[in-house]
Amino acid sequence: MEQKDLELIRELVDSDQELAELWRRHLELETQLENMNQRVYLTSEEQVERKRLQKIKLAGRDRMDAILATYRQQGRQA
């Protein structure tokens, strides 16, 4: 994630409940995926679960990007 995105998230997380929840979930998924990726071997079920988590994380990231884009657009119009 880019530094400018992280800074904007930190600014908005207290005032935007949806963004706060997405960010919290993003960090949880990142930790879970890091733990899985550190393992030498994953069973086929674990590989499927890793892919599922990656898709959920990506969907959340897409939603966060949309929220941030909205805030950026509003900032330009102000």
PDB file of N, CA and C in Angstrom:
ATOM      1  N   MET A   1       0.851  -1.169   0.000  1.00  0.00           N
ATOM      2  CA  MET A   1       0.000   0.000   0.000  1.00  0.00           C
ATOM      3  C   MET A   1       0.900   1.237   0.000  1.00  0.00           C
ATOM      4  N   GLU A   2       0.521   2.220  -0.765  1.00  0.00           N
ATOM      5  CA  GLU A   2       1.331   3.425  -0.891  1.00  0.00           C
ATOM      6  C   GLU A   2       1.263   4.269   0.379  1.00  0.00           C
ATOM      7  N   GLN A   3       2.336   5.007   0.625  1.00  0.00           N
ATOM      8  CA  GLN A   3       2.426   5.839   1.825  1.00  0.00           C
ATOM      9  C   GLN A   3       1.290   6.867   1.893  1.00  0.00           C
ATOM     10  N   LYS A   4       0.965   7.471   0.748  1.00  0.00           N
ATOM     11  CA  LYS A   4      -0.115   8.479   0.755  1.00  0.00           C
ATOM     12  C   LYS A   4      -1.450   7.854   1.134  1.00  0.00           C
ATOM     13  N   ASP A   5      -1.671   6.597   0.728  1.00  0.00           N
ATOM     14  CA  ASP A   5      -2.899   5.896   1.109  1.00  0.00           C
ATOM     15  C   ASP A   5      -2.914   5.631   2.612  1.00  0.00           C
ATOM     16  N   LEU A   6      -1.781   5.185   3.136  1.00  0.00           N
ATOM     17  CA  LEU A   6      -1.691   4.911   4.571  1.00  0.00           C
ATOM     18  C   LEU A   6      -1.941   6.173   5.392  1.00  0.00           C
ATOM     19  N   GLU A   7      -1.380   7.278   4.948  1.00  0.00           N
ATOM     20  CA  GLU A   7      -1.580   8.542   5.662  1.00  0.00           C
ATOM     21  C   GLU A   7      -3.042   8.960   5.651  1.00  0.00           C
ATOM     22  N   LEU A   8      -3.692   8.821   4.508  1.00  0.00           N
ATOM     23  CA  LEU A   8      -5.105   9.190   4.412  1.00  0.00           C
ATOM     24  C   LEU A   8      -5.968   8.261   5.266  1.00  0.00           C
ATOM     25  N   ILE A   9      -5.653   6.991   5.269  1.00  0.00           N
ATOM     26  CA  ILE A   9      -6.397   6.041   6.106  1.00  0.00           C
ATOM     27  C   ILE A   9      -6.269   6.436   7.569  1.00  0.00           C
ATOM     28  N   ARG A  10      -5.052   6.751   8.008  1.00  0.00           N
ATOM     29  CA  ARG A  10      -4.844   7.153   9.406  1.00  0.00           C
ATOM     30  C   ARG A  10      -5.647   8.405   9.758  1.00  0.00           C
ATOM     31  N   GLU A  11      -5.771   9.310   8.808  1.00  0.00           N
ATOM     32  CA  GLU A  11      -6.554  10.529   9.040  1.00  0.00           C
ATOM     33  C   GLU A  11      -8.047  10.230   9.163  1.00  0.00           C
ATOM     34  N   LEU A  12      -8.529   9.289   8.363  1.00  0.00           N
ATOM     35  CA  LEU A  12      -9.970   9.076   8.231  1.00  0.00           C
ATOM     36  C   LEU A  12     -10.534   7.956   9.093  1.00  0.00           C
ATOM     37  N   VAL A  13      -9.676   7.095   9.607  1.00  0.00           N
ATOM     38  CA  VAL A  13     -10.144   5.886  10.273  1.00  0.00           C
ATOM     39  C   VAL A  13     -11.016   6.198  11.503  1.00  0.00           C
ATOM     40  N   ASP A  14     -10.788   7.318  12.158  1.00  0.00           N
ATOM     41  CA  ASP A  14     -11.608   7.660  13.327  1.00  0.00           C
ATOM     42  C   ASP A  14     -12.981   8.203  12.949  1.00  0.00           C
ATOM     43  N   SER A  15     -13.110   8.722  11.749  1.00  0.00           N
ATOM     44  CA  SER A  15     -14.377   9.342  11.353  1.00  0.00           C
ATOM     45  C   SER A  15     -15.185   8.517  10.351  1.00  0.00           C
ATOM     46  N   ASP A  16     -14.590   7.473   9.788  1.00  0.00           N
ATOM     47  CA  ASP A  16     -15.289   6.651   8.795  1.00  0.00           C
ATOM     48  C   ASP A  16     -15.315   5.208   9.291  1.00  0.00           C
ATOM     49  N   GLN A  17     -16.470   4.788   9.784  1.00  0.00           N
ATOM     50  CA  GLN A  17     -16.599   3.463  10.379  1.00  0.00           C
ATOM     51  C   GLN A  17     -16.338   2.342   9.368  1.00  0.00           C
ATOM     52  N   GLU A  18     -16.834   2.501   8.157  1.00  0.00           N
ATOM     53  CA  GLU A  18     -16.621   1.460   7.143  1.00  0.00           C
ATOM     54  C   GLU A  18     -15.138   1.319   6.831  1.00  0.00           C
ATOM     55  N   LEU A  19     -14.461   2.432   6.658  1.00  0.00           N
ATOM     56  CA  LEU A  19     -13.028   2.397   6.379  1.00  0.00           C
ATOM     57  C   LEU A  19     -12.268   1.783   7.552  1.00  0.00           C
ATOM     58  N   ALA A  20     -12.660   2.126   8.772  1.00  0.00           N
ATOM     59  CA  ALA A  20     -12.011   1.563   9.956  1.00  0.00           C
ATOM     60  C   ALA A  20     -12.150   0.046   9.986  1.00  0.00           C
ATOM     61  N   GLU A  21     -13.343  -0.451   9.703  1.00  0.00           N
ATOM     62  CA  GLU A  21     -13.576  -1.901   9.706  1.00  0.00           C
ATOM     63  C   GLU A  21     -12.796  -2.578   8.582  1.00  0.00           C
ATOM     64  N   LEU A  22     -12.800  -1.984   7.403  1.00  0.00           N
ATOM     65  CA  LEU A  22     -12.044  -2.550   6.281  1.00  0.00           C
ATOM     66  C   LEU A  22     -10.554  -2.591   6.597  1.00  0.00           C
ATOM     67  N   TRP A  23     -10.043  -1.534   7.210  1.00  0.00           N
ATOM     68  CA  TRP A  23      -8.620  -1.462   7.552  1.00  0.00           C
ATOM     69  C   TRP A  23      -8.260  -2.513   8.603  1.00  0.00           C
ATOM     70  N   ARG A  24      -9.123  -2.654   9.630  1.00  0.00           N
ATOM     71  CA  ARG A  24      -8.885  -3.664  10.666  1.00  0.00           C
ATOM     72  C   ARG A  24      -8.857  -5.063  10.047  1.00  0.00           C
ATOM     73  N   ARG A  25      -9.813  -5.337   9.189  1.00  0.00           N
ATOM     74  CA  ARG A  25      -9.889  -6.652   8.536  1.00  0.00           C
ATOM     75  C   ARG A  25      -8.693  -6.867   7.613  1.00  0.00           C
ATOM     76  N   HIS A  26      -8.278  -5.820   6.923  1.00  0.00           N
ATOM     77  CA  HIS A  26      -7.119  -5.899   6.033  1.00  0.00           C
ATOM     78  C   HIS A  26      -5.878  -6.328   6.817  1.00  0.00           C
ATOM     79  N   LEU A  27      -5.666  -5.720   7.971  1.00  0.00           N
ATOM     80  CA  LEU A  27      -4.505  -6.053   8.794  1.00  0.00           C
ATOM     81  C   LEU A  27      -4.587  -7.483   9.326  1.00  0.00           C
ATOM     82  N   GLU A  28      -5.785  -7.911   9.714  1.00  0.00           N
ATOM     83  CA  GLU A  28      -5.971  -9.290  10.180  1.00  0.00           C
ATOM     84  C   GLU A  28      -5.632 -10.285   9.070  1.00  0.00           C
ATOM     85  N   LEU A  29      -6.153 -10.030   7.883  1.00  0.00           N
ATOM     86  CA  LEU A  29      -5.906 -10.928   6.753  1.00  0.00           C
ATOM     87  C   LEU A  29      -4.428 -10.943   6.385  1.00  0.00           C
ATOM     88  N   GLU A  30      -3.792  -9.788   6.444  1.00  0.00           N
ATOM     89  CA  GLU A  30      -2.370  -9.705   6.138  1.00  0.00           C
ATOM     90  C   GLU A  30      -1.567 -10.585   7.094  1.00  0.00           C
ATOM     91  N   THR A  31      -1.906 -10.539   8.370  1.00  0.00           N
ATOM     92  CA  THR A  31      -1.223 -11.361   9.367  1.00  0.00           C
ATOM     93  C   THR A  31      -1.459 -12.840   9.100  1.00  0.00           C
ATOM     94  N   GLN A  32      -2.701 -13.211   8.824  1.00  0.00           N
ATOM     95  CA  GLN A  32      -3.014 -14.611   8.542  1.00  0.00           C
ATOM     96  C   GLN A  32      -2.248 -15.105   7.319  1.00  0.00           C
ATOM     97  N   LEU A  33      -2.213 -14.293   6.273  1.00  0.00           N
ATOM     98  CA  LEU A  33      -1.524 -14.695   5.047  1.00  0.00           C
ATOM     99  C   LEU A  33      -0.017 -14.774   5.260  1.00  0.00           C
ATOM    100  N   GLU A  34       0.536 -13.859   6.026  1.00  0.00           N
ATOM    101  CA  GLU A  34       1.970 -13.919   6.321  1.00  0.00           C
ATOM    102  C   GLU A  34       2.307 -15.204   7.060  1.00  0.00           C
ATOM    103  N   ASN A  35       1.462 -15.579   8.022  1.00  0.00           N
ATOM    104  CA  ASN A  35       1.680 -16.823   8.760  1.00  0.00           C
ATOM    105  C   ASN A  35       1.618 -18.028   7.832  1.00  0.00           C
ATOM    106  N   MET A  36       0.670 -18.033   6.933  1.00  0.00           N
ATOM    107  CA  MET A  36       0.556 -19.154   5.994  1.00  0.00           C
ATOM    108  C   MET A  36       1.752 -19.196   5.049  1.00  0.00           C
ATOM    109  N   ASN A  37       2.182 -18.038   4.585  1.00  0.00           N
ATOM    110  CA  ASN A  37       3.280 -17.979   3.624  1.00  0.00           C
ATOM    111  C   ASN A  37       4.621 -18.365   4.237  1.00  0.00           C
ATOM    112  N   GLN A  38       4.738 -18.308   5.546  1.00  0.00           N
ATOM    113  CA  GLN A  38       5.982 -18.691   6.207  1.00  0.00           C
ATOM    114  C   GLN A  38       6.116 -20.201   6.355  1.00  0.00           C
ATOM    115  N   ARG A  39       5.030 -20.894   6.170  1.00  0.00           N
ATOM    116  CA  ARG A  39       5.068 -22.354   6.308  1.00  0.00           C
ATOM    117  C   ARG A  39       5.744 -22.969   5.094  1.00  0.00           C
ATOM    118  N   VAL A  40       6.476 -24.025   5.338  1.00  0.00           N
ATOM    119  CA  VAL A  40       7.194 -24.708   4.264  1.00  0.00           C
ATOM    120  C   VAL A  40       6.220 -25.436   3.345  1.00  0.00           C
ATOM    121  N   TYR A  41       5.186 -26.003   3.926  1.00  0.00           N
ATOM    122  CA  TYR A  41       4.252 -26.803   3.144  1.00  0.00           C
ATOM    123  C   TYR A  41       2.826 -26.468   3.560  1.00  0.00           C
ATOM    124  N   LEU A  42       1.961 -26.329   2.578  1.00  0.00           N
ATOM    125  CA  LEU A  42       0.534 -26.149   2.831  1.00  0.00           C
ATOM    126  C   LEU A  42      -0.221 -27.313   2.211  1.00  0.00           C
ATOM    127  N   THR A  43      -1.171 -27.849   2.952  1.00  0.00           N
ATOM    128  CA  THR A  43      -2.017 -28.887   2.383  1.00  0.00           C
ATOM    129  C   THR A  43      -2.873 -28.260   1.288  1.00  0.00           C
ATOM    130  N   SER A  44      -3.525 -29.087   0.517  1.00  0.00           N
ATOM    131  CA  SER A  44      -4.376 -28.542  -0.546  1.00  0.00           C
ATOM    132  C   SER A  44      -5.510 -27.706   0.050  1.00  0.00           C
ATOM    133  N   GLU A  45      -6.036 -28.123   1.199  1.00  0.00           N
ATOM    134  CA  GLU A  45      -7.082 -27.343   1.860  1.00  0.00           C
ATOM    135  C   GLU A  45      -6.540 -25.988   2.308  1.00  0.00           C
ATOM    136  N   GLU A  46      -5.325 -25.975   2.822  1.00  0.00           N
ATOM    137  CA  GLU A  46      -4.709 -24.718   3.258  1.00  0.00           C
ATOM    138  C   GLU A  46      -4.416 -23.803   2.068  1.00  0.00           C
ATOM    139  N   GLN A  47      -4.049 -24.390   0.948  1.00  0.00           N
ATOM    140  CA  GLN A  47      -3.813 -23.589  -0.257  1.00  0.00           C
ATOM    141  C   GLN A  47      -5.110 -22.933  -0.729  1.00  0.00           C
ATOM    142  N   VAL A  48      -6.191 -23.683  -0.673  1.00  0.00           N
ATOM    143  CA  VAL A  48      -7.501 -23.142  -1.048  1.00  0.00           C
ATOM    144  C   VAL A  48      -7.889 -22.023  -0.083  1.00  0.00           C
ATOM    145  N   GLU A  49      -7.655 -22.237   1.201  1.00  0.00           N
ATOM    146  CA  GLU A  49      -7.968 -21.218   2.202  1.00  0.00           C
ATOM    147  C   GLU A  49      -7.118 -19.967   1.987  1.00  0.00           C
ATOM    148  N   ARG A  50      -5.854 -20.148   1.651  1.00  0.00           N
ATOM    149  CA  ARG A  50      -4.979 -18.999   1.383  1.00  0.00           C
ATOM    150  C   ARG A  50      -5.519 -18.186   0.204  1.00  0.00           C
ATOM    151  N   LYS A  51      -5.927 -18.860  -0.852  1.00  0.00           N
ATOM    152  CA  LYS A  51      -6.502 -18.168  -2.019  1.00  0.00           C
ATOM    153  C   LYS A  51      -7.785 -17.432  -1.644  1.00  0.00           C
ATOM    154  N   ARG A  52      -8.604 -18.070  -0.819  1.00  0.00           N
ATOM    155  CA  ARG A  52      -9.852 -17.443  -0.382  1.00  0.00           C
ATOM    156  C   ARG A  52      -9.553 -16.167   0.406  1.00  0.00           C
ATOM    157  N   LEU A  53      -8.592 -16.245   1.307  1.00  0.00           N
ATOM    158  CA  LEU A  53      -8.215 -15.076   2.102  1.00  0.00           C
ATOM    159  C   LEU A  53      -7.642 -13.969   1.225  1.00  0.00           C
ATOM    160  N   GLN A  54      -6.857 -14.354   0.228  1.00  0.00           N
ATOM    161  CA  GLN A  54      -6.288 -13.362  -0.691  1.00  0.00           C
ATOM    162  C   GLN A  54      -7.394 -12.629  -1.449  1.00  0.00           C
ATOM    163  N   LYS A  55      -8.415 -13.366  -1.862  1.00  0.00           N
ATOM    164  CA  LYS A  55      -9.528 -12.749  -2.595  1.00  0.00           C
ATOM    165  C   LYS A  55     -10.318 -11.801  -1.701  1.00  0.00           C
ATOM    166  N   ILE A  56     -10.538 -12.196  -0.458  1.00  0.00           N
ATOM    167  CA  ILE A  56     -11.246 -11.334   0.487  1.00  0.00           C
ATOM    168  C   ILE A  56     -10.433 -10.071   0.741  1.00  0.00           C
ATOM    169  N   LYS A  57      -9.130 -10.243   0.927  1.00  0.00           N
ATOM    170  CA  LYS A  57      -8.255  -9.095   1.168  1.00  0.00           C
ATOM    171  C   LYS A  57      -8.275  -8.146  -0.029  1.00  0.00           C
ATOM    172  N   LEU A  58      -8.221  -8.691  -1.225  1.00  0.00           N
ATOM    173  CA  LEU A  58      -8.238  -7.868  -2.434  1.00  0.00           C
ATOM    174  C   LEU A  58      -9.558  -7.111  -2.574  1.00  0.00           C
ATOM    175  N   ALA A  59     -10.662  -7.780  -2.287  1.00  0.00           N
ATOM    176  CA  ALA A  59     -11.967  -7.113  -2.362  1.00  0.00           C
ATOM    177  C   ALA A  59     -12.037  -5.965  -1.356  1.00  0.00           C
ATOM    178  N   GLY A  60     -11.510  -6.192  -0.167  1.00  0.00           N
ATOM    179  CA  GLY A  60     -11.484  -5.133   0.840  1.00  0.00           C
ATOM    180  C   GLY A  60     -10.599  -3.979   0.417  1.00  0.00           C
ATOM    181  N   ARG A  61      -9.475  -4.316  -0.182  1.00  0.00           N
ATOM    182  CA  ARG A  61      -8.560  -3.270  -0.661  1.00  0.00           C
ATOM    183  C   ARG A  61      -9.225  -2.445  -1.769  1.00  0.00           C
ATOM    184  N   ASP A  62      -9.934  -3.118  -2.660  1.00  0.00           N
ATOM    185  CA  ASP A  62     -10.654  -2.405  -3.721  1.00  0.00           C
ATOM    186  C   ASP A  62     -11.678  -1.439  -3.129  1.00  0.00           C
ATOM    187  N   ARG A  63     -12.388  -1.875  -2.095  1.00  0.00           N
ATOM    188  CA  ARG A  63     -13.387  -1.010  -1.458  1.00  0.00           C
ATOM    189  C   ARG A  63     -12.703   0.166  -0.758  1.00  0.00           C
ATOM    190  N   MET A  64     -11.580  -0.102  -0.068  1.00  0.00           N
ATOM    191  CA  MET A  64     -10.844   0.991   0.576  1.00  0.00           C
ATOM    192  C   MET A  64     -10.360   1.992  -0.464  1.00  0.00           C
ATOM    193  N   ASP A  65      -9.869   1.500  -1.590  1.00  0.00           N
ATOM    194  CA  ASP A  65      -9.417   2.395  -2.660  1.00  0.00           C
ATOM    195  C   ASP A  65     -10.562   3.275  -3.157  1.00  0.00           C
ATOM    196  N   ALA A  66     -11.758   2.697  -3.274  1.00  0.00           N
ATOM    197  CA  ALA A  66     -12.919   3.470  -3.722  1.00  0.00           C
ATOM    198  C   ALA A  66     -13.283   4.549  -2.701  1.00  0.00           C
ATOM    199  N   ILE A  67     -13.232   4.202  -1.429  1.00  0.00           N
ATOM    200  CA  ILE A  67     -13.528   5.177  -0.373  1.00  0.00           C
ATOM    201  C   ILE A  67     -12.500   6.301  -0.397  1.00  0.00           C
ATOM    202  N   LEU A  68     -11.225   5.951  -0.508  1.00  0.00           N
ATOM    203  CA  LEU A  68     -10.167   6.963  -0.539  1.00  0.00           C
ATOM    204  C   LEU A  68     -10.309   7.859  -1.764  1.00  0.00           C
ATOM    205  N   ALA A  69     -10.678   7.277  -2.888  1.00  0.00           N
ATOM    206  CA  ALA A  69     -10.868   8.069  -4.107  1.00  0.00           C
ATOM    207  C   ALA A  69     -12.002   9.074  -3.918  1.00  0.00           C
ATOM    208  N   THR A  70     -13.057   8.660  -3.239  1.00  0.00           N
ATOM    209  CA  THR A  70     -14.173   9.565  -2.966  1.00  0.00           C
ATOM    210  C   THR A  70     -13.719  10.737  -2.101  1.00  0.00           C
ATOM    211  N   TYR A  71     -12.958  10.439  -1.055  1.00  0.00           N
ATOM    212  CA  TYR A  71     -12.454  11.514  -0.192  1.00  0.00           C
ATOM    213  C   TYR A  71     -11.526  12.446  -0.962  1.00  0.00           C
ATOM    214  N   ARG A  72     -10.686  11.878  -1.808  1.00  0.00           N
ATOM    215  CA  ARG A  72      -9.774  12.715  -2.595  1.00  0.00           C
ATOM    216  C   ARG A  72     -10.564  13.621  -3.546  1.00  0.00           C
ATOM    217  N   GLN A  73     -11.598  13.068  -4.156  1.00  0.00           N
ATOM    218  CA  GLN A  73     -12.440  13.844  -5.072  1.00  0.00           C
ATOM    219  C   GLN A  73     -13.146  14.968  -4.325  1.00  0.00           C
ATOM    220  N   GLN A  74     -13.660  14.683  -3.158  1.00  0.00           N
ATOM    221  CA  GLN A  74     -14.331  15.702  -2.350  1.00  0.00           C
ATOM    222  C   GLN A  74     -13.349  16.798  -1.954  1.00  0.00           C
ATOM    223  N   GLY A  75     -12.117  16.426  -1.679  1.00  0.00           N
ATOM    224  CA  GLY A  75     -11.096  17.397  -1.308  1.00  0.00           C
ATOM    225  C   GLY A  75     -10.768  18.345  -2.442  1.00  0.00           C
ATOM    226  N   ARG A  76     -10.786  17.855  -3.663  1.00  0.00           N
ATOM    227  CA  ARG A  76     -10.513  18.694  -4.834  1.00  0.00           C
ATOM    228  C   ARG A  76     -11.652  19.668  -5.100  1.00  0.00           C
ATOM    229  N   GLN A  77     -12.875  19.256  -4.772  1.00  0.00           N
ATOM    230  CA  GLN A  77     -14.040  20.097  -5.036  1.00  0.00           C
ATOM    231  C   GLN A  77     -14.218  21.174  -3.972  1.00  0.00           C
ATOM    232  N   ALA A  78     -13.645  20.965  -2.805  1.00  0.00           N
ATOM    233  CA  ALA A  78     -13.826  21.925  -1.694  1.00  0.00           C
ATOM    234  C   ALA A  78     -13.050  23.207  -1.920  1.00  0.00           C
TER     235      ALA A  78
END
